[in-house]
Amino acid sequence: MPKTTKKQKKKTKAKKTKGKKMKGKNPCWKGYQMVGMKKKGGRSVPNCVPK
């Protein structure tokens, strides 16, 4: 079985997190509320602000 390098491990971790979807109705932390969406790194993410 071939050994994996650190770079290969990082690539596999990045692939796993790429397609994550928002879970539930509120994607924000406890005590925060979602106020629309914002662009971050070229993609849309929830804009969470403190209540």
N, C-alpha and C. Protein backbone atom coordinates (compact mmCIF):
# COMPACT_ATOMS: atom_id res chain seq x y z
N MET A 1 0.84 -1.18 0.00
CA MET A 1 0.00 0.00 0.00
C MET A 1 0.89 1.25 0.00
N PRO A 2 0.70 2.20 -0.92
CA PRO A 2 1.56 3.38 -1.00
C PRO A 2 1.30 4.33 0.16
N LYS A 3 2.36 5.00 0.59
CA LYS A 3 2.24 5.97 1.68
C LYS A 3 1.70 7.28 1.14
N THR A 4 0.93 7.99 1.95
CA THR A 4 0.40 9.29 1.53
C THR A 4 1.24 10.40 2.15
N THR A 5 1.44 11.44 1.39
CA THR A 5 2.22 12.57 1.89
C THR A 5 1.28 13.57 2.55
N LYS A 6 1.86 14.58 3.20
CA LYS A 6 1.05 15.60 3.87
C LYS A 6 0.21 16.38 2.86
N LYS A 7 0.79 16.65 1.67
CA LYS A 7 0.05 17.38 0.64
C LYS A 7 -1.16 16.59 0.18
N GLN A 8 -1.00 15.28 0.02
CA GLN A 8 -2.11 14.44 -0.42
C GLN A 8 -3.21 14.41 0.63
N LYS A 9 -2.83 14.38 1.91
CA LYS A 9 -3.82 14.37 2.98
C LYS A 9 -4.62 15.67 2.98
N LYS A 10 -3.93 16.81 2.78
CA LYS A 10 -4.61 18.10 2.75
C LYS A 10 -5.60 18.15 1.60
N LYS A 11 -5.23 17.62 0.45
CA LYS A 11 -6.11 17.63 -0.71
C LYS A 11 -7.38 16.82 -0.43
N THR A 12 -7.25 15.67 0.22
CA THR A 12 -8.43 14.85 0.50
C THR A 12 -9.34 15.54 1.50
N LYS A 13 -8.78 16.24 2.48
CA LYS A 13 -9.60 16.99 3.43
C LYS A 13 -10.34 18.12 2.74
N ALA A 14 -9.67 18.81 1.81
CA ALA A 14 -10.30 19.92 1.10
C ALA A 14 -11.47 19.42 0.25
N LYS A 15 -11.33 18.26 -0.34
CA LYS A 15 -12.40 17.70 -1.16
C LYS A 15 -13.63 17.40 -0.32
N LYS A 16 -13.44 16.94 0.89
CA LYS A 16 -14.57 16.58 1.76
C LYS A 16 -15.37 17.81 2.17
N THR A 17 -14.70 18.93 2.43
CA THR A 17 -15.39 20.12 2.91
C THR A 17 -15.96 20.97 1.80
N LYS A 18 -15.55 20.75 0.56
CA LYS A 18 -16.00 21.58 -0.55
C LYS A 18 -17.51 21.57 -0.74
N GLY A 19 -18.13 20.40 -0.69
CA GLY A 19 -19.55 20.29 -1.00
C GLY A 19 -20.47 20.34 0.19
N LYS A 20 -20.05 20.96 1.29
CA LYS A 20 -20.90 20.99 2.49
C LYS A 20 -22.11 21.89 2.25
N LYS A 21 -23.24 21.43 2.71
CA LYS A 21 -24.49 22.19 2.61
C LYS A 21 -24.83 22.73 4.00
N MET A 22 -25.69 23.74 4.03
CA MET A 22 -26.15 24.27 5.30
C MET A 22 -27.11 23.27 5.94
N LYS A 23 -26.93 23.03 7.23
CA LYS A 23 -27.80 22.10 7.94
C LYS A 23 -28.86 22.88 8.70
N GLY A 24 -30.10 22.44 8.60
CA GLY A 24 -31.19 23.08 9.31
C GLY A 24 -31.59 24.41 8.70
N LYS A 25 -32.47 25.11 9.40
CA LYS A 25 -32.98 26.39 8.91
C LYS A 25 -32.00 27.52 9.19
N ASN A 26 -31.29 27.45 10.33
CA ASN A 26 -30.39 28.52 10.72
C ASN A 26 -28.93 28.05 10.64
N PRO A 27 -28.16 28.54 9.67
CA PRO A 27 -26.77 28.12 9.54
C PRO A 27 -25.82 28.86 10.48
N CYS A 28 -26.35 29.77 11.30
CA CYS A 28 -25.52 30.60 12.18
C CYS A 28 -25.36 29.98 13.56
N TRP A 29 -24.37 30.51 14.29
CA TRP A 29 -24.13 30.06 15.65
C TRP A 29 -25.27 30.48 16.56
N LYS A 30 -25.30 29.90 17.75
CA LYS A 30 -26.30 30.26 18.75
C LYS A 30 -26.08 31.72 19.15
N GLY A 31 -27.16 32.49 19.20
CA GLY A 31 -27.05 33.91 19.55
C GLY A 31 -26.84 34.81 18.34
N TYR A 32 -26.78 34.25 17.15
CA TYR A 32 -26.62 35.00 15.91
C TYR A 32 -27.82 34.74 15.01
N GLN A 33 -28.11 35.69 14.14
CA GLN A 33 -29.20 35.49 13.20
C GLN A 33 -28.70 35.79 11.78
N MET A 34 -29.29 35.13 10.81
CA MET A 34 -28.89 35.33 9.43
C MET A 34 -29.61 36.53 8.85
N VAL A 35 -28.84 37.44 8.26
CA VAL A 35 -29.38 38.64 7.64
C VAL A 35 -28.90 38.65 6.19
N GLY A 36 -29.49 37.80 5.37
CA GLY A 36 -29.12 37.74 3.96
C GLY A 36 -27.86 36.94 3.71
N MET A 37 -27.29 37.16 2.51
CA MET A 37 -26.08 36.46 2.09
C MET A 37 -25.01 37.48 1.74
N LYS A 38 -23.75 37.07 1.77
CA LYS A 38 -22.65 37.93 1.36
C LYS A 38 -21.66 37.12 0.55
N LYS A 39 -20.82 37.80 -0.22
CA LYS A 39 -19.80 37.14 -1.03
C LYS A 39 -18.53 37.02 -0.21
N LYS A 40 -17.96 35.82 -0.17
CA LYS A 40 -16.72 35.58 0.56
C LYS A 40 -15.91 34.58 -0.24
N GLY A 41 -14.78 35.03 -0.75
CA GLY A 41 -13.94 34.14 -1.53
C GLY A 41 -14.59 33.72 -2.84
N GLY A 42 -15.42 34.58 -3.41
CA GLY A 42 -16.05 34.28 -4.68
C GLY A 42 -17.29 33.41 -4.60
N ARG A 43 -17.80 33.14 -3.39
CA ARG A 43 -19.02 32.35 -3.25
C ARG A 43 -19.93 33.01 -2.23
N SER A 44 -21.19 32.65 -2.26
CA SER A 44 -22.16 33.24 -1.33
C SER A 44 -22.21 32.44 -0.03
N VAL A 45 -22.14 33.17 1.08
CA VAL A 45 -22.22 32.55 2.40
C VAL A 45 -23.22 33.32 3.24
N PRO A 46 -23.80 32.69 4.27
CA PRO A 46 -24.77 33.42 5.12
C PRO A 46 -24.10 34.55 5.88
N ASN A 47 -24.80 35.68 5.98
CA ASN A 47 -24.31 36.83 6.73
C ASN A 47 -24.92 36.76 8.13
N CYS A 48 -24.16 36.26 9.08
CA CYS A 48 -24.63 36.08 10.47
C CYS A 48 -24.19 37.25 11.33
N VAL A 49 -25.15 37.87 12.02
CA VAL A 49 -24.86 38.99 12.90
C VAL A 49 -25.39 38.69 14.29
N PRO A 50 -24.78 39.28 15.36
CA PRO A 50 -25.30 39.04 16.71
C PRO A 50 -26.72 39.57 16.85
N LYS A 51 -27.51 38.90 17.68
CA LYS A 51 -28.90 39.32 17.90
C LYS A 51 -28.95 40.57 18.76
